[in-house]
């Protein structure tokens, strides 16, 4: 009888192990889904081409736009300009100047607010209204979104994707809006700061063409020429994504 009791205990233990294993297998997809639910914007890409994307945010002012366009034209560089739609409506001639020079237009939203604070309804209205304005003024299909202040969450990423956007951040920050001076901006971009490296293939560089960044036109020629000397090609974000093997960080997507 004692042997039978031991066998029963073993049988019960074995049954519990089998049932637990089956539960793990049956819920494997749910477990994986839960782990990977953190959605991310694209900060940079992995590429075998020596390409770096150069980007400019504009939400107010006009003093820096034409000087920056002149520099880009002189250096034969194409970039991506993320525009807020109210600014574009007030400055349609500058939008046309950007487009005529062959640059790419992306959305910087309508209001300069953190998109992750909006309800889904308000977020959809924000993205759709800015997209409509920018497409009308630029004649381009708007597929890139840079959230104001870089603020995002899963809702922002998933709603933006459903509205036809890739959400784009940056991997190299010029910090030009802090007005650190021309030399500091050059150093931040070329050499990096603290633990961040300087610009290299696959990176997306953040500049501002708003009046809040008066040092940008002063620093830009040196930065462009230095990157060219390293045989880097400066391209719009769309070109970088097209030639990318994968995006970074995990949780972002090229699809």
Protein backbone atom coordinates (compact mmCIF):
# COMPACT_ATOMS: atom_id res chain seq x y z
CA UNK A 1 0.00 0.00 0.00
CA UNK A 2 2.81 2.37 0.74
CA UNK A 3 4.20 1.91 -2.75
CA UNK A 4 0.81 2.74 -4.24
CA UNK A 5 0.60 5.98 -2.23
CA UNK A 6 4.01 7.04 -3.47
CA UNK A 7 3.04 6.27 -7.03
CA UNK A 8 -0.11 8.32 -6.66
CA UNK A 9 1.88 11.27 -5.41
CA UNK A 10 4.26 10.94 -8.31
CA UNK A 11 1.33 10.64 -10.70
CA UNK A 12 -0.30 13.78 -9.30
CA UNK A 13 2.97 15.69 -9.48
CA UNK A 14 3.54 14.49 -13.04
CA UNK A 15 0.01 15.51 -14.02
CA UNK A 16 0.49 18.99 -12.57
CA UNK A 17 3.77 19.42 -14.48
CA UNK A 18 2.11 18.35 -17.74
CA UNK A 19 -0.88 20.66 -17.23
CA UNK A 20 1.38 23.60 -16.34
CA UNK A 21 3.53 22.95 -19.42
CA UNK A 22 0.45 22.87 -21.64
CA UNK A 23 -0.74 26.16 -20.20
CA UNK A 24 2.62 27.76 -20.99
CA UNK A 25 2.56 26.46 -24.57
CA UNK A 26 -1.05 27.52 -25.14
CA UNK A 27 -0.39 31.01 -23.81
CA UNK A 28 3.03 31.48 -25.38
CA UNK A 29 1.79 33.94 -27.95
CA UNK A 30 0.00 35.95 -25.26
CA UNK A 31 3.17 36.02 -23.15
CA UNK A 32 5.29 37.16 -26.08
CA UNK A 33 2.69 39.78 -26.99
CA UNK A 34 2.68 41.16 -23.46
CA UNK A 35 6.46 41.43 -23.44
CA UNK A 36 6.66 43.22 -26.80
CA UNK A 37 3.72 45.58 -26.39
CA UNK A 38 5.94 48.60 -25.75
CA UNK A 39 5.76 50.41 -29.08
CA UNK A 40 8.58 52.76 -30.05
CA UNK A 41 9.16 55.45 -32.66
CA UNK A 42 12.12 55.20 -35.01
CA UNK A 43 15.26 56.81 -33.56
CA UNK A 44 17.73 55.47 -36.12
CA UNK A 45 18.18 52.59 -38.55
CA UNK A 46 20.64 49.87 -39.40
CA UNK A 47 21.95 50.36 -42.91
CA UNK A 48 24.87 49.27 -45.05
CA UNK A 49 24.87 52.64 -46.81
CA UNK A 50 26.84 55.62 -45.44
CA UNK A 51 23.66 57.68 -45.04
CA UNK A 52 22.55 60.04 -42.28
CA UNK A 53 19.19 61.82 -42.18
CA UNK A 54 19.16 65.53 -41.47
CA UNK A 55 15.94 67.02 -40.07
CA UNK A 56 14.56 70.40 -39.04
CA UNK A 57 11.54 71.16 -36.86
CA UNK A 58 9.57 74.36 -37.43
CA UNK A 59 6.71 75.58 -35.29
CA UNK A 60 7.19 79.35 -35.30
CA UNK A 61 9.19 82.18 -36.85
CA UNK A 62 10.73 82.60 -40.28
CA UNK A 63 14.17 84.16 -39.89
CA UNK A 64 16.16 80.92 -40.14
CA UNK A 65 14.28 79.16 -42.92
CA UNK A 66 15.71 80.83 -46.01
CA UNK A 67 19.31 80.94 -44.68
CA UNK A 68 19.09 77.21 -43.96
CA UNK A 69 17.63 76.54 -47.41
CA UNK A 70 20.46 78.50 -49.01
CA UNK A 71 23.06 76.46 -47.12
CA UNK A 72 21.42 73.16 -48.08
CA UNK A 73 21.23 74.23 -51.73
CA UNK A 74 24.86 75.33 -51.78
CA UNK A 75 25.91 71.98 -50.28
CA UNK A 76 23.51 69.98 -52.50
CA UNK A 77 21.86 68.37 -49.46
CA UNK A 78 18.23 67.28 -49.16
CA UNK A 79 16.58 67.18 -45.75
CA UNK A 80 13.28 66.56 -43.98
CA UNK A 81 11.35 69.50 -42.52
CA UNK A 82 8.81 68.66 -39.83
CA UNK A 83 6.23 71.47 -39.94
CA UNK A 84 3.41 72.36 -37.60
CA UNK A 85 0.31 72.93 -39.70
CA UNK A 86 -0.60 76.37 -38.25
CA UNK A 87 2.89 77.62 -39.14
CA UNK A 88 2.53 76.18 -42.65
CA UNK A 89 -0.81 77.92 -43.12
CA UNK A 90 0.72 81.25 -42.08
CA UNK A 91 3.85 80.78 -44.21
CA UNK A 92 2.71 79.02 -47.42
CA UNK A 93 5.46 80.74 -49.41
CA UNK A 94 8.11 79.15 -47.18
CA UNK A 95 6.48 75.74 -47.50
CA UNK A 96 6.67 76.15 -51.27
CA UNK A 97 10.31 77.22 -51.05
CA UNK A 98 11.12 74.08 -49.06
CA UNK A 99 9.29 71.86 -51.54
CA UNK A 100 10.73 73.55 -54.62
CA UNK A 101 14.24 72.90 -53.30
CA UNK A 102 13.44 69.17 -53.22
CA UNK A 103 13.10 68.66 -49.49
CA UNK A 104 10.74 66.29 -47.72
CA UNK A 105 7.86 67.49 -45.55
CA UNK A 106 6.82 65.72 -42.35
CA UNK A 107 4.19 66.62 -39.75
CA UNK A 108 5.01 68.25 -36.43
CA UNK A 109 1.34 68.18 -35.48
CA UNK A 110 -1.18 70.98 -35.22
CA UNK A 111 -0.83 72.26 -31.69
CA UNK A 112 2.54 72.10 -29.97
CA UNK A 113 1.22 69.80 -27.24
CA UNK A 114 2.33 66.42 -25.93
CA UNK A 115 0.35 63.99 -28.05
CA UNK A 116 0.40 61.35 -25.32
CA UNK A 117 -1.86 63.58 -23.21
CA UNK A 118 -4.67 63.59 -25.79
CA UNK A 119 -7.66 61.29 -25.95
CA UNK A 120 -7.76 58.95 -28.92
CA UNK A 121 -10.48 61.09 -30.52
CA UNK A 122 -8.48 64.31 -30.12
CA UNK A 123 -5.30 62.58 -31.27
CA UNK A 124 -6.97 61.40 -34.49
CA UNK A 125 -8.27 64.92 -35.14
CA UNK A 126 -4.83 66.38 -34.44
CA UNK A 127 -3.06 64.02 -36.86
CA UNK A 128 -5.69 64.12 -39.61
CA UNK A 129 -6.11 67.90 -39.63
CA UNK A 130 -2.36 68.58 -39.77
CA UNK A 131 -1.93 65.95 -42.48
CA UNK A 132 -4.68 67.51 -44.59
CA UNK A 133 -3.18 71.01 -44.34
CA UNK A 134 0.38 69.92 -45.07
CA UNK A 135 -0.57 67.75 -48.03
CA UNK A 136 -2.61 70.58 -49.55
CA UNK A 137 0.19 73.12 -49.16
CA UNK A 138 3.12 70.88 -50.11
CA UNK A 139 1.62 68.58 -52.72
CA UNK A 140 3.41 65.71 -50.97
CA UNK A 141 1.96 62.66 -49.26
CA UNK A 142 2.71 63.14 -45.57
CA UNK A 143 3.87 59.86 -44.03
CA UNK A 144 6.27 61.05 -41.31
CA UNK A 145 5.33 62.41 -37.90
CA UNK A 146 7.56 63.92 -35.25
CA UNK A 147 5.56 64.41 -32.04
CA UNK A 148 6.07 67.80 -30.36
CA UNK A 149 8.61 67.52 -27.55
CA UNK A 150 9.21 63.92 -28.63
CA UNK A 151 6.28 62.85 -26.40
CA UNK A 152 4.67 59.52 -27.24
CA UNK A 153 3.13 56.35 -25.84
CA UNK A 154 1.63 53.17 -27.30
CA UNK A 155 -1.56 55.02 -28.21
CA UNK A 156 0.33 57.66 -30.18
CA UNK A 157 2.37 55.07 -32.09
CA UNK A 158 -0.57 52.80 -32.90
CA UNK A 159 -2.96 55.60 -33.88
CA UNK A 160 -0.31 57.33 -35.99
CA UNK A 161 0.46 54.07 -37.79
CA UNK A 162 -3.25 53.57 -38.47
CA UNK A 163 -3.35 57.09 -39.97
CA UNK A 164 -0.49 56.32 -42.34
CA UNK A 165 2.46 57.71 -40.40
CA UNK A 166 5.89 56.54 -39.33
CA UNK A 167 6.73 58.20 -35.99
CA UNK A 168 10.24 59.64 -36.13
CA UNK A 169 12.46 60.70 -33.24
CA UNK A 170 16.20 61.34 -33.43
CA UNK A 171 19.46 59.71 -32.36
CA UNK A 172 21.67 62.81 -32.53
CA UNK A 173 20.46 66.00 -30.85
CA UNK A 174 22.09 69.30 -31.78
CA UNK A 175 20.43 71.00 -28.78
CA UNK A 176 20.34 74.10 -30.95
CA UNK A 177 17.13 75.32 -29.27
CA UNK A 178 19.12 75.82 -26.07
CA UNK A 179 21.27 78.39 -27.91
CA UNK A 180 24.57 76.89 -26.72
CA UNK A 181 26.53 78.67 -29.45
CA UNK A 182 27.80 77.59 -32.86
CA UNK A 183 30.82 75.64 -31.62
CA UNK A 184 28.80 73.64 -29.09
CA UNK A 185 26.26 72.61 -31.74
CA UNK A 186 29.05 71.50 -34.05
CA UNK A 187 30.63 69.48 -31.23
CA UNK A 188 27.33 67.86 -30.18
CA UNK A 189 26.63 66.63 -33.71
CA UNK A 190 30.10 65.56 -34.78
CA UNK A 191 31.50 64.24 -31.50
CA UNK A 192 28.43 63.51 -29.38
CA UNK A 193 27.88 64.43 -25.75
CA UNK A 194 28.20 62.49 -22.48
CA UNK A 195 27.61 58.83 -23.46
CA UNK A 196 26.20 59.59 -26.92
CA UNK A 197 28.37 59.20 -29.99
CA UNK A 198 28.66 61.64 -32.85
CA UNK A 199 26.67 61.19 -36.05
CA UNK A 200 27.29 57.96 -37.98
CA UNK A 201 25.43 55.96 -40.66
CA UNK A 202 21.80 55.30 -39.84
CA UNK A 203 21.47 58.26 -37.48
CA UNK A 204 18.75 60.92 -37.58
CA UNK A 205 19.99 64.40 -36.62
CA UNK A 206 17.64 66.89 -34.97
CA UNK A 207 17.91 70.59 -35.78
CA UNK A 208 15.38 73.41 -35.52
CA UNK A 209 14.65 75.99 -38.19
CA UNK A 210 12.42 78.02 -35.87
CA UNK A 211 13.57 81.38 -34.57
CA UNK A 212 14.36 79.66 -31.27
CA UNK A 213 17.61 78.34 -32.76
CA UNK A 214 19.57 81.28 -34.22
CA UNK A 215 22.90 79.42 -34.06
CA UNK A 216 21.80 76.67 -36.45
CA UNK A 217 22.60 78.48 -39.73
CA UNK A 218 26.01 79.37 -38.31
CA UNK A 219 26.88 75.78 -37.38
CA UNK A 220 25.32 73.99 -40.34
CA UNK A 221 27.97 74.55 -43.04
CA UNK A 222 30.78 73.19 -40.85
CA UNK A 223 28.70 70.16 -39.83
CA UNK A 224 27.70 69.30 -43.40
CA UNK A 225 31.24 69.62 -44.75
CA UNK A 226 32.72 67.58 -41.89
CA UNK A 227 30.24 64.76 -42.47
CA UNK A 228 30.88 64.85 -46.20
CA UNK A 229 34.62 64.54 -45.53
CA UNK A 230 33.81 61.25 -43.78
CA UNK A 231 32.04 60.18 -47.00
CA UNK A 232 28.62 60.34 -45.39
CA UNK A 233 25.61 61.16 -47.55
CA UNK A 234 23.02 63.43 -45.95
CA UNK A 235 19.49 62.42 -46.98
CA UNK A 236 15.84 62.94 -46.04
CA UNK A 237 14.31 60.52 -43.54
CA UNK A 238 12.25 58.83 -46.25
CA UNK A 239 15.38 57.86 -48.16
CA UNK A 240 17.04 56.58 -44.99
CA UNK A 241 14.04 54.38 -44.19
CA UNK A 242 13.85 53.08 -47.75
CA UNK A 243 17.46 51.89 -47.62
CA UNK A 244 17.30 50.57 -44.04
CA UNK A 245 17.68 46.92 -43.07
CA UNK A 246 15.89 47.44 -39.76
CA UNK A 247 14.94 50.22 -37.39
CA UNK A 248 16.07 50.94 -33.84
CA UNK A 249 15.08 50.53 -31.02
CA UNK A 250 13.25 47.22 -30.63
CA UNK A 251 9.53 47.95 -30.72
CA UNK A 252 9.87 50.33 -33.67
CA UNK A 253 8.96 49.24 -37.17
CA UNK A 254 9.72 50.09 -40.80
CA UNK A 255 6.32 48.70 -41.84
